[in-house]
Amino acid sequence: MPEQVPERIDALAVEYDALRPRMVRVAYAILGSRAEAEDVVADCWTRLADADTREPVRDVTGWLTVAVARGATDVLRSARVRREAYVGPWLPEPYVESGVEVTALDPADRVNLDESVSYALVVLLETLSPAERTAFVLHDVFGLGFAEVATVVGRTPAAVRQLASRARAHLAAEAPRFEVDRTAHDELLGRFLAAAAGGDLGALVETLDPDVVLTSDGGGVVSAARKPVRGADRVARFVLGTLAKAEAGAEVEILLVNGAPAIGIREGGALTSLTVLTVVGDRAARVDILREPAKLAVVNRRP
């Protein structure tokens, strides 16, 4: 095997580092776990360096995208078995950026946020098969051609086109009114937080769609609803009841989750709850509450 010149490995490392945030997003969209996504991308660095030693990789972006997607799809297949045995509803790990306002972010961070996959979409992607999910994510979200996606899932381009089409139809049936308006989201989040913090049941109900669904993920480790809670009144009462159980001195903060603001609660300095709203029109159609300590620990370790 030929030896790699130091200058070449250094240049490759610089290119890899620049592409890493996008690659983590690709893997995360397929997996629904940022921790697993980062592991997949880290593993691909060694594989990239080895491949480049054998023959210089001309298109590093294309090579990495395919390698990361393949690795993430393999991990997803094994993760599905673990998730079927999960205690209570399973929610994806949040992709938390920071606690600052989007307006304060520098241009590079804005580009990263533009590539964020909304939390509502990541939740819905769980209903697809691994092949459908990978085809949809790579083609519809990240813009890869069907021929490239075919090399990842091991199907023909025509078969991949069908996979993406089925995924698109399924997602449209599950969420025909997908959230798009960021201003409406921010305004609704403010009203939701004010009503919840003030214990105002009526005002909180007004922020919720009549058919709202709340999902709470405690992983069988901490208290959480074992089944989805449905309906504005029941969801509002559940939210107020959850807040009432928070310890004295608990702090509320706004975090950017999958590119949009969400509500975090810290107790003793550690994040113990993360509430993500999916807004349709001027009301919340979904309320997802993450309480599973391992998923939140990932956020707690990240500066």
C-alpha atoms as a PDB file:
ATOM      1  CA  MET A   1       0.000   0.000   0.000  1.00  0.00           C
ATOM      2  CA  PRO A   2       1.474   3.404  -0.982  1.00  0.00           C
ATOM      3  CA  GLU A   3       2.314   5.851   1.773  1.00  0.00           C
ATOM      4  CA  GLN A   4       0.264   9.024   2.040  1.00  0.00           C
ATOM      5  CA  VAL A   5       2.155  12.328   1.838  1.00  0.00           C
ATOM      6  CA  PRO A   6       1.723  14.436   5.034  1.00  0.00           C
ATOM      7  CA  GLU A   7       0.606  17.451   3.004  1.00  0.00           C
ATOM      8  CA  ARG A   8      -2.119  15.366   1.349  1.00  0.00           C
ATOM      9  CA  ILE A   9      -3.470  13.959   4.628  1.00  0.00           C
ATOM     10  CA  ASP A  10      -3.467  17.469   6.107  1.00  0.00           C
ATOM     11  CA  ALA A  11      -5.433  18.844   3.147  1.00  0.00           C
ATOM     12  CA  LEU A  12      -7.847  15.912   3.355  1.00  0.00           C
ATOM     13  CA  ALA A  13      -8.349  16.536   7.084  1.00  0.00           C
ATOM     14  CA  VAL A  14      -9.160  20.205   6.436  1.00  0.00           C
ATOM     15  CA  GLU A  15     -11.739  19.241   3.812  1.00  0.00           C
ATOM     16  CA  TYR A  16     -13.232  16.583   6.082  1.00  0.00           C
ATOM     17  CA  ASP A  17     -13.534  19.045   8.981  1.00  0.00           C
ATOM     18  CA  ALA A  18     -15.321  21.557   6.747  1.00  0.00           C
ATOM     19  CA  LEU A  19     -17.778  18.901   5.551  1.00  0.00           C
ATOM     20  CA  ARG A  20     -18.296  17.285   8.954  1.00  0.00           C
ATOM     21  CA  PRO A  21     -21.313  19.384  10.105  1.00  0.00           C
ATOM     22  CA  ARG A  22     -23.207  18.553   6.910  1.00  0.00           C
ATOM     23  CA  MET A  23     -22.268  14.867   7.139  1.00  0.00           C
ATOM     24  CA  VAL A  24     -23.505  14.706  10.740  1.00  0.00           C
ATOM     25  CA  ARG A  25     -26.821  16.151   9.546  1.00  0.00           C
ATOM     26  CA  VAL A  26     -27.078  13.515   6.823  1.00  0.00           C
ATOM     27  CA  ALA A  27     -26.460  10.710   9.332  1.00  0.00           C
ATOM     28  CA  TYR A  28     -28.764  12.297  11.924  1.00  0.00           C
ATOM     29  CA  ALA A  29     -31.655  12.573   9.473  1.00  0.00           C
ATOM     30  CA  ILE A  30     -31.307   8.856   8.733  1.00  0.00           C
ATOM     31  CA  LEU A  31     -30.786   7.774  12.349  1.00  0.00           C
ATOM     32  CA  GLY A  32     -32.678  10.209  14.586  1.00  0.00           C
ATOM     33  CA  SER A  33     -29.732  10.155  16.991  1.00  0.00           C
ATOM     34  CA  ARG A  34     -27.021  12.802  16.974  1.00  0.00           C
ATOM     35  CA  ALA A  35     -24.684  10.725  19.132  1.00  0.00           C
ATOM     36  CA  GLU A  36     -24.878   7.779  16.726  1.00  0.00           C
ATOM     37  CA  ALA A  37     -24.601  10.148  13.753  1.00  0.00           C
ATOM     38  CA  GLU A  38     -21.356  11.611  15.104  1.00  0.00           C
ATOM     39  CA  ASP A  39     -19.954   8.104  15.632  1.00  0.00           C
ATOM     40  CA  VAL A  40     -20.759   7.167  12.026  1.00  0.00           C
ATOM     41  CA  VAL A  41     -19.096  10.319  10.656  1.00  0.00           C
ATOM     42  CA  ALA A  42     -16.013   9.842  12.855  1.00  0.00           C
ATOM     43  CA  ASP A  43     -15.652   6.267  11.583  1.00  0.00           C
ATOM     44  CA  CYS A  44     -15.794   7.526   7.989  1.00  0.00           C
ATOM     45  CA  TRP A  45     -12.684   9.676   8.496  1.00  0.00           C
ATOM     46  CA  THR A  46     -10.492   6.580   8.881  1.00  0.00           C
ATOM     47  CA  ARG A  47     -12.151   4.952   5.876  1.00  0.00           C
ATOM     48  CA  LEU A  48     -11.687   8.121   3.816  1.00  0.00           C
ATOM     49  CA  ALA A  49      -7.990   8.330   4.696  1.00  0.00           C
ATOM     50  CA  ASP A  50      -7.484   4.640   3.837  1.00  0.00           C
ATOM     51  CA  ALA A  51      -9.350   4.974   0.523  1.00  0.00           C
ATOM     52  CA  ASP A  52      -7.327   8.064  -0.391  1.00  0.00           C
ATOM     53  CA  THR A  53      -4.088   6.191   0.312  1.00  0.00           C
ATOM     54  CA  ARG A  54      -5.053   3.513  -2.215  1.00  0.00           C
ATOM     55  CA  GLU A  55      -6.256   6.035  -4.813  1.00  0.00           C
ATOM     56  CA  PRO A  56      -6.762   9.814  -4.371  1.00  0.00           C
ATOM     57  CA  VAL A  57     -10.417  10.645  -3.696  1.00  0.00           C
ATOM     58  CA  ARG A  58     -11.307  13.372  -6.207  1.00  0.00           C
ATOM     59  CA  ASP A  59     -14.847  14.107  -4.981  1.00  0.00           C
ATOM     60  CA  VAL A  60     -14.561  14.087  -1.180  1.00  0.00           C
ATOM     61  CA  THR A  61     -18.083  15.461  -0.691  1.00  0.00           C
ATOM     62  CA  GLY A  62     -19.654  12.736  -2.811  1.00  0.00           C
ATOM     63  CA  TRP A  63     -17.483   9.989  -1.317  1.00  0.00           C
ATOM     64  CA  LEU A  64     -18.277  11.025   2.248  1.00  0.00           C
ATOM     65  CA  THR A  65     -22.001  11.460   1.624  1.00  0.00           C
ATOM     66  CA  VAL A  66     -22.313   7.937   0.237  1.00  0.00           C
ATOM     67  CA  ALA A  67     -20.090   6.407   2.940  1.00  0.00           C
ATOM     68  CA  VAL A  68     -21.881   8.210   5.780  1.00  0.00           C
ATOM     69  CA  ALA A  69     -25.317   7.313   4.408  1.00  0.00           C
ATOM     70  CA  ARG A  70     -24.338   3.649   4.085  1.00  0.00           C
ATOM     71  CA  GLY A  71     -22.955   3.579   7.618  1.00  0.00           C
ATOM     72  CA  ALA A  72     -26.012   5.324   9.046  1.00  0.00           C
ATOM     73  CA  THR A  73     -28.408   2.976   7.219  1.00  0.00           C
ATOM     74  CA  ASP A  74     -26.578  -0.062   8.615  1.00  0.00           C
ATOM     75  CA  VAL A  75     -26.780   1.355  12.144  1.00  0.00           C
ATOM     76  CA  LEU A  76     -30.476   2.197  11.646  1.00  0.00           C
ATOM     77  CA  ARG A  77     -31.335  -1.409  10.779  1.00  0.00           C
ATOM     78  CA  SER A  78     -29.862  -2.671  14.056  1.00  0.00           C
ATOM     79  CA  ALA A  79     -31.268   0.285  16.021  1.00  0.00           C
ATOM     80  CA  ARG A  80     -34.803  -0.621  14.903  1.00  0.00           C
ATOM     81  CA  VAL A  81     -34.621  -3.854  16.917  1.00  0.00           C
ATOM     82  CA  ARG A  82     -33.606  -1.957  20.075  1.00  0.00           C
ATOM     83  CA  ARG A  83     -36.313   0.660  19.586  1.00  0.00           C
ATOM     84  CA  GLU A  84     -39.029  -1.994  19.344  1.00  0.00           C
ATOM     85  CA  ALA A  85     -38.158  -3.077  22.905  1.00  0.00           C
ATOM     86  CA  TYR A  86     -38.120   0.514  24.208  1.00  0.00           C
ATOM     87  CA  VAL A  87     -40.305   1.276  27.256  1.00  0.00           C
ATOM     88  CA  GLY A  88     -43.031   3.748  26.238  1.00  0.00           C
ATOM     89  CA  PRO A  89     -42.944   5.997  23.143  1.00  0.00           C
ATOM     90  CA  TRP A  90     -39.540   6.478  21.503  1.00  0.00           C
ATOM     91  CA  LEU A  91     -38.668  10.016  20.392  1.00  0.00           C
ATOM     92  CA  PRO A  92     -35.596  10.970  18.346  1.00  0.00           C
ATOM     93  CA  GLU A  93     -32.644  12.541  20.092  1.00  0.00           C
ATOM     94  CA  PRO A  94     -32.805  16.337  19.632  1.00  0.00           C
ATOM     95  CA  TYR A  95     -30.291  18.141  17.429  1.00  0.00           C
ATOM     96  CA  VAL A  96     -29.497  21.076  19.704  1.00  0.00           C
ATOM     97  CA  GLU A  97     -27.521  23.997  18.258  1.00  0.00           C
ATOM     98  CA  SER A  98     -27.237  26.511  21.099  1.00  0.00           C
ATOM     99  CA  GLY A  99     -29.271  28.723  23.376  1.00  0.00           C
ATOM    100  CA  VAL A 100     -28.712  31.902  21.374  1.00  0.00           C
ATOM    101  CA  GLU A 101     -31.212  33.623  19.134  1.00  0.00           C
ATOM    102  CA  VAL A 102     -30.945  32.810  15.426  1.00  0.00           C
ATOM    103  CA  THR A 103     -30.432  36.502  14.677  1.00  0.00           C
ATOM    104  CA  ALA A 104     -27.187  36.365  16.668  1.00  0.00           C
ATOM    105  CA  LEU A 105     -25.715  33.501  14.678  1.00  0.00           C
ATOM    106  CA  ASP A 106     -22.868  34.079  12.245  1.00  0.00           C
ATOM    107  CA  PRO A 107     -23.350  33.302   8.513  1.00  0.00           C
ATOM    108  CA  ALA A 108     -21.766  29.840   8.778  1.00  0.00           C
ATOM    109  CA  ASP A 109     -24.209  28.851  11.520  1.00  0.00           C
ATOM    110  CA  ARG A 110     -27.123  30.180   9.462  1.00  0.00           C
ATOM    111  CA  VAL A 111     -26.111  27.878   6.604  1.00  0.00           C
ATOM    112  CA  ASN A 112     -26.017  24.964   9.026  1.00  0.00           C
ATOM    113  CA  LEU A 113     -29.485  25.824  10.319  1.00  0.00           C
ATOM    114  CA  ASP A 114     -30.813  25.987   6.766  1.00  0.00           C
ATOM    115  CA  GLU A 115     -29.850  22.307   6.465  1.00  0.00           C
ATOM    116  CA  SER A 116     -31.601  21.336   9.699  1.00  0.00           C
ATOM    117  CA  VAL A 117     -34.274  18.672   9.482  1.00  0.00           C
ATOM    118  CA  SER A 118     -37.266  19.714  11.576  1.00  0.00           C
ATOM    119  CA  TYR A 119     -37.984  17.656  14.666  1.00  0.00           C
ATOM    120  CA  ALA A 120     -41.516  16.917  13.432  1.00  0.00           C
ATOM    121  CA  LEU A 121     -40.081  15.440  10.238  1.00  0.00           C
ATOM    122  CA  VAL A 122     -37.534  13.314  12.114  1.00  0.00           C
ATOM    123  CA  VAL A 123     -40.395  11.923  14.244  1.00  0.00           C
ATOM    124  CA  LEU A 124     -42.358  11.022  11.114  1.00  0.00           C
ATOM    125  CA  LEU A 125     -39.337   9.468   9.420  1.00  0.00           C
ATOM    126  CA  GLU A 126     -39.500   6.770  12.105  1.00  0.00           C
ATOM    127  CA  THR A 127     -42.617   5.404  10.368  1.00  0.00           C
ATOM    128  CA  LEU A 128     -40.647   4.578   7.186  1.00  0.00           C
ATOM    129  CA  SER A 129     -38.579   1.497   6.406  1.00  0.00           C
ATOM    130  CA  PRO A 130     -34.784   2.045   6.531  1.00  0.00           C
ATOM    131  CA  ALA A 131     -34.568   1.966   2.709  1.00  0.00           C
ATOM    132  CA  GLU A 132     -37.476   4.424   2.279  1.00  0.00           C
ATOM    133  CA  ARG A 133     -36.042   6.726   4.917  1.00  0.00           C
ATOM    134  CA  THR A 134     -32.579   6.763   3.378  1.00  0.00           C
ATOM    135  CA  ALA A 135     -33.943   7.324  -0.131  1.00  0.00           C
ATOM    136  CA  PHE A 136     -36.160  10.200   1.011  1.00  0.00           C
ATOM    137  CA  VAL A 137     -33.481  11.867   3.143  1.00  0.00           C
ATOM    138  CA  LEU A 138     -30.749  11.679   0.516  1.00  0.00           C
ATOM    139  CA  HIS A 139     -32.907  12.675  -2.475  1.00  0.00           C
ATOM    140  CA  ASP A 140     -35.605  14.990  -1.091  1.00  0.00           C
ATOM    141  CA  VAL A 141     -33.684  16.600   1.783  1.00  0.00           C
ATOM    142  CA  PHE A 142     -30.057  16.624   0.612  1.00  0.00           C
ATOM    143  CA  GLY A 143     -30.578  16.610  -3.166  1.00  0.00           C
ATOM    144  CA  LEU A 144     -28.648  13.502  -4.250  1.00  0.00           C
ATOM    145  CA  GLY A 145     -29.543  11.933  -7.594  1.00  0.00           C
ATOM    146  CA  PHE A 146     -31.279   8.563  -7.692  1.00  0.00           C
ATOM    147  CA  ALA A 147     -28.167   6.918  -9.173  1.00  0.00           C
ATOM    148  CA  GLU A 148     -26.108   8.024  -6.153  1.00  0.00           C
ATOM    149  CA  VAL A 149     -28.796   6.936  -3.686  1.00  0.00           C
ATOM    150  CA  ALA A 150     -28.948   3.553  -5.436  1.00  0.00           C
ATOM    151  CA  THR A 151     -25.310   2.881  -4.470  1.00  0.00           C
ATOM    152  CA  VAL A 152     -26.249   3.447  -0.810  1.00  0.00           C
ATOM    153  CA  VAL A 153     -29.360   1.262  -0.515  1.00  0.00           C
ATOM    154  CA  GLY A 154     -28.284  -1.404  -3.001  1.00  0.00           C
ATOM    155  CA  ARG A 155     -31.220  -0.970  -5.377  1.00  0.00           C
ATOM    156  CA  THR A 156     -31.568   0.210  -8.977  1.00  0.00           C
ATOM    157  CA  PRO A 157     -32.175   3.943  -9.593  1.00  0.00           C
ATOM    158  CA  ALA A 158     -35.731   3.085 -10.711  1.00  0.00           C
ATOM    159  CA  ALA A 159     -36.358   1.188  -7.460  1.00  0.00           C
ATOM    160  CA  VAL A 160     -34.936   4.099  -5.440  1.00  0.00           C
ATOM    161  CA  ARG A 161     -37.275   6.485  -7.249  1.00  0.00           C
ATOM    162  CA  GLN A 162     -40.170   4.288  -6.114  1.00  0.00           C
ATOM    163  CA  LEU A 163     -38.859   4.183  -2.544  1.00  0.00           C
ATOM    164  CA  ALA A 164     -38.666   7.974  -2.389  1.00  0.00           C
ATOM    165  CA  SER A 165     -42.127   8.287  -3.943  1.00  0.00           C
ATOM    166  CA  ARG A 166     -43.666   5.892  -1.398  1.00  0.00           C
ATOM    167  CA  ALA A 167     -41.933   7.719   1.448  1.00  0.00           C
ATOM    168  CA  ARG A 168     -43.184  11.078   0.160  1.00  0.00           C
ATOM    169  CA  ALA A 169     -46.768   9.815  -0.103  1.00  0.00           C
ATOM    170  CA  HIS A 170     -46.653   8.272   3.371  1.00  0.00           C
ATOM    171  CA  LEU A 171     -45.288  11.436   4.970  1.00  0.00           C
ATOM    172  CA  ALA A 172     -47.864  13.594   3.159  1.00  0.00           C
ATOM    173  CA  ALA A 173     -50.668  11.369   4.473  1.00  0.00           C
ATOM    174  CA  GLU A 174     -49.305  11.561   8.020  1.00  0.00           C
ATOM    175  CA  ALA A 175     -48.650  15.318   7.980  1.00  0.00           C
ATOM    176  CA  PRO A 176     -50.664  17.027   5.235  1.00  0.00           C
ATOM    177  CA  ARG A 177     -50.190  20.449   6.888  1.00  0.00           C
ATOM    178  CA  PHE A 178     -46.505  20.518   7.606  1.00  0.00           C
ATOM    179  CA  GLU A 179     -45.112  23.367   9.676  1.00  0.00           C
ATOM    180  CA  VAL A 180     -43.339  25.999   7.579  1.00  0.00           C
ATOM    181  CA  ASP A 181     -43.784  29.437   9.159  1.00  0.00           C
ATOM    182  CA  ARG A 182     -40.989  30.285  11.595  1.00  0.00           C
ATOM    183  CA  THR A 183     -42.593  33.559  12.752  1.00  0.00           C
ATOM    184  CA  ALA A 184     -45.812  31.771  13.686  1.00  0.00           C
ATOM    185  CA  HIS A 185     -43.774  29.132  15.523  1.00  0.00           C
ATOM    186  CA  ASP A 186     -41.902  31.719  17.613  1.00  0.00           C
ATOM    187  CA  GLU A 187     -45.083  33.653  18.473  1.00  0.00           C
ATOM    188  CA  LEU A 188     -46.935  30.485  19.487  1.00  0.00           C
ATOM    189  CA  LEU A 189     -43.999  29.241  21.561  1.00  0.00           C
ATOM    190  CA  GLY A 190     -44.034  32.521  23.505  1.00  0.00           C
ATOM    191  CA  ARG A 191     -47.765  32.253  24.234  1.00  0.00           C
ATOM    192  CA  PHE A 192     -47.444  28.567  25.180  1.00  0.00           C
ATOM    193  CA  LEU A 193     -44.570  29.286  27.581  1.00  0.00           C
ATOM    194  CA  ALA A 194     -46.322  32.268  29.192  1.00  0.00           C
ATOM    195  CA  ALA A 195     -49.544  30.295  29.731  1.00  0.00           C
ATOM    196  CA  ALA A 196     -47.702  27.248  31.095  1.00  0.00           C
ATOM    197  CA  ALA A 197     -45.469  29.305  33.413  1.00  0.00           C
ATOM    198  CA  GLY A 198     -48.501  31.231  34.685  1.00  0.00           C
ATOM    199  CA  GLY A 199     -50.555  28.067  35.243  1.00  0.00           C
ATOM    200  CA  ASP A 200     -53.299  29.476  33.005  1.00  0.00           C
ATOM    201  CA  LEU A 201     -55.192  26.413  31.757  1.00  0.00           C
ATOM    202  CA  GLY A 202     -57.559  28.369  29.496  1.00  0.00           C
ATOM    203  CA  ALA A 203     -54.772  30.320  27.801  1.00  0.00           C
ATOM    204  CA  LEU A 204     -52.725  27.142  27.360  1.00  0.00           C
ATOM    205  CA  VAL A 205     -55.667  25.347  25.731  1.00  0.00           C
ATOM    206  CA  GLU A 206     -55.945  28.268  23.294  1.00  0.00           C
ATOM    207  CA  THR A 207     -52.414  27.593  22.053  1.00  0.00           C
ATOM    208  CA  LEU A 208     -53.269  23.981  21.180  1.00  0.00           C
ATOM    209  CA  ASP A 209     -55.010  22.455  18.178  1.00  0.00           C
ATOM    210  CA  PRO A 210     -58.212  20.636  19.275  1.00  0.00           C
ATOM    211  CA  ASP A 211     -56.687  17.375  17.988  1.00  0.00           C
ATOM    212  CA  VAL A 212     -53.203  17.995  19.415  1.00  0.00           C
ATOM    213  CA  VAL A 213     -51.124  14.931  20.335  1.00  0.00           C
ATOM    214  CA  LEU A 214     -48.551  14.964  23.146  1.00  0.00           C
ATOM    215  CA  THR A 215     -45.821  12.322  23.267  1.00  0.00           C
ATOM    216  CA  SER A 216     -43.596  11.994  26.318  1.00  0.00           C
ATOM    217  CA  ASP A 217     -40.370   9.949  26.248  1.00  0.00           C
ATOM    218  CA  GLY A 218     -38.976   8.870  29.612  1.00  0.00           C
ATOM    219  CA  GLY A 219     -37.454   5.604  28.411  1.00  0.00           C
ATOM    220  CA  GLY A 220     -38.839   3.799  31.451  1.00  0.00           C
ATOM    221  CA  VAL A 221     -36.249   5.632  33.569  1.00  0.00           C
ATOM    222  CA  VAL A 222     -38.168   8.763  34.616  1.00  0.00           C
ATOM    223  CA  SER A 223     -41.870   9.563  34.859  1.00  0.00           C
ATOM    224  CA  ALA A 224     -43.567  10.001  31.466  1.00  0.00           C
ATOM    225  CA  ALA A 225     -46.848   9.109  29.783  1.00  0.00           C
ATOM    226  CA  ARG A 226     -46.659   5.544  28.447  1.00  0.00           C
ATOM    227  CA  LYS A 227     -49.138   6.393  25.665  1.00  0.00           C
ATOM    228  CA  PRO A 228     -49.757   9.572  23.625  1.00  0.00           C
ATOM    229  CA  VAL A 229     -52.079  12.135  25.238  1.00  0.00           C
ATOM    230  CA  ARG A 230     -54.738  13.501  22.866  1.00  0.00           C
ATOM    231  CA  GLY A 231     -56.938  16.586  22.862  1.00  0.00           C
ATOM    232  CA  ALA A 232     -56.266  20.201  23.879  1.00  0.00           C
ATOM    233  CA  ASP A 233     -57.720  20.037  27.399  1.00  0.00           C
ATOM    234  CA  ARG A 234     -55.979  16.785  28.357  1.00  0.00           C
ATOM    235  CA  VAL A 235     -52.651  17.913  26.879  1.00  0.00           C
ATOM    236  CA  ALA A 236     -52.825  21.287  28.657  1.00  0.00           C
ATOM    237  CA  ARG A 237     -53.532  19.587  32.001  1.00  0.00           C
ATOM    238  CA  PHE A 238     -50.675  17.148  31.431  1.00  0.00           C
ATOM    239  CA  VAL A 239     -48.241  20.005  30.689  1.00  0.00           C
ATOM    240  CA  LEU A 240     -49.279  21.937  33.802  1.00  0.00           C
ATOM    241  CA  GLY A 241     -49.043  18.780  35.906  1.00  0.00           C
ATOM    242  CA  THR A 242     -45.533  18.101  34.616  1.00  0.00           C
ATOM    243  CA  LEU A 243     -44.405  21.642  35.422  1.00  0.00           C
ATOM    244  CA  ALA A 244     -45.883  21.386  38.912  1.00  0.00           C
ATOM    245  CA  LYS A 245     -43.572  18.417  39.602  1.00  0.00           C
ATOM    246  CA  ALA A 246     -40.413  20.358  38.710  1.00  0.00           C
ATOM    247  CA  GLU A 247     -38.194  21.073  41.684  1.00  0.00           C
ATOM    248  CA  ALA A 248     -38.040  24.523  43.248  1.00  0.00           C
ATOM    249  CA  GLY A 249     -35.530  26.744  41.495  1.00  0.00           C
ATOM    250  CA  ALA A 250     -35.903  24.989  38.137  1.00  0.00           C
ATOM    251  CA  GLU A 251     -34.780  27.214  35.264  1.00  0.00           C
ATOM    252  CA  VAL A 252     -36.474  27.613  31.879  1.00  0.00           C
ATOM    253  CA  GLU A 253     -34.367  28.307  28.789  1.00  0.00           C
ATOM    254  CA  ILE A 254     -34.879  28.488  25.034  1.00  0.00           C
ATOM    255  CA  LEU A 255     -32.769  26.083  22.968  1.00  0.00           C
ATOM    256  CA  LEU A 256     -32.504  25.749  19.205  1.00  0.00           C
ATOM    257  CA  VAL A 257     -33.693  22.221  18.481  1.00  0.00           C
ATOM    258  CA  ASN A 258     -33.456  21.074  14.860  1.00  0.00           C
ATOM    259  CA  GLY A 259     -33.232  24.708  13.792  1.00  0.00           C
ATOM    260  CA  ALA A 260     -36.239  26.042  15.753  1.00  0.00           C
ATOM    261  CA  PRO A 261     -36.710  27.283  19.354  1.00  0.00           C
ATOM    262  CA  ALA A 262     -37.840  24.785  21.990  1.00  0.00           C
ATOM    263  CA  ILE A 263     -38.340  24.927  25.763  1.00  0.00           C
ATOM    264  CA  GLY A 264     -35.754  23.406  28.080  1.00  0.00           C
ATOM    265  CA  ILE A 265     -36.050  22.967  31.849  1.00  0.00           C
ATOM    266  CA  ARG A 266     -32.907  22.696  33.972  1.00  0.00           C
ATOM    267  CA  GLU A 267     -32.904  21.337  37.506  1.00  0.00           C
ATOM    268  CA  GLY A 268     -29.688  21.481  39.495  1.00  0.00           C
ATOM    269  CA  GLY A 269     -27.936  22.784  36.384  1.00  0.00           C
ATOM    270  CA  ALA A 270     -28.807  19.749  34.236  1.00  0.00           C
ATOM    271  CA  LEU A 271     -31.375  19.660  31.436  1.00  0.00           C
ATOM    272  CA  THR A 272     -34.218  17.399  32.634  1.00  0.00           C
ATOM    273  CA  SER A 273     -36.930  18.164  30.087  1.00  0.00           C
ATOM    274  CA  LEU A 274     -37.130  19.439  26.526  1.00  0.00           C
ATOM    275  CA  THR A 275     -40.464  20.411  24.968  1.00  0.00           C
ATOM    276  CA  VAL A 276     -40.696  20.713  21.181  1.00  0.00           C
ATOM    277  CA  LEU A 277     -43.793  22.155  19.504  1.00  0.00           C
ATOM    278  CA  THR A 278     -44.957  21.469  15.960  1.00  0.00           C
ATOM    279  CA  VAL A 279     -46.993  24.491  14.920  1.00  0.00           C
ATOM    280  CA  VAL A 280     -49.670  24.415  12.225  1.00  0.00           C
ATOM    281  CA  GLY A 281     -51.332  27.762  11.562  1.00  0.00           C
ATOM    282  CA  ASP A 282     -51.450  29.521  14.927  1.00  0.00           C
ATOM    283  CA  ARG A 283     -51.683  26.450  17.190  1.00  0.00           C
ATOM    284  CA  ALA A 284     -49.531  23.516  18.270  1.00  0.00           C
ATOM    285  CA  ALA A 285     -50.516  20.284  16.519  1.00  0.00           C
ATOM    286  CA  ARG A 286     -47.846  18.216  18.314  1.00  0.00           C
ATOM    287  CA  VAL A 287     -46.160  18.539  21.695  1.00  0.00           C
ATOM    288  CA  ASP A 288     -43.126  16.282  22.148  1.00  0.00           C
ATOM    289  CA  ILE A 289     -41.545  16.124  25.604  1.00  0.00           C
ATOM    290  CA  LEU A 290     -38.136  14.493  25.952  1.00  0.00           C
ATOM    291  CA  ARG A 291     -37.270  13.395  29.497  1.00  0.00           C
ATOM    292  CA  GLU A 292     -35.104  10.325  28.838  1.00  0.00           C
ATOM    293  CA  PRO A 293     -31.869  11.120  30.744  1.00  0.00           C
ATOM    294  CA  ALA A 294     -29.453   9.520  28.243  1.00  0.00           C
ATOM    295  CA  LYS A 295     -30.780  11.607  25.349  1.00  0.00           C
ATOM    296  CA  LEU A 296     -30.669  14.792  27.406  1.00  0.00           C
ATOM    297  CA  ALA A 297     -27.199  13.938  28.755  1.00  0.00           C
ATOM    298  CA  VAL A 298     -25.879  14.341  25.221  1.00  0.00           C
ATOM    299  CA  VAL A 299     -27.204  17.918  25.267  1.00  0.00           C
ATOM    300  CA  ASN A 300     -25.822  18.509  28.764  1.00  0.00           C
ATOM    301  CA  ARG A 301     -22.320  17.486  27.648  1.00  0.00           C
ATOM    302  CA  ARG A 302     -22.394  19.781  24.626  1.00  0.00           C
ATOM    303  CA  PRO A 303     -21.269  23.397  25.329  1.00  0.00           C
END
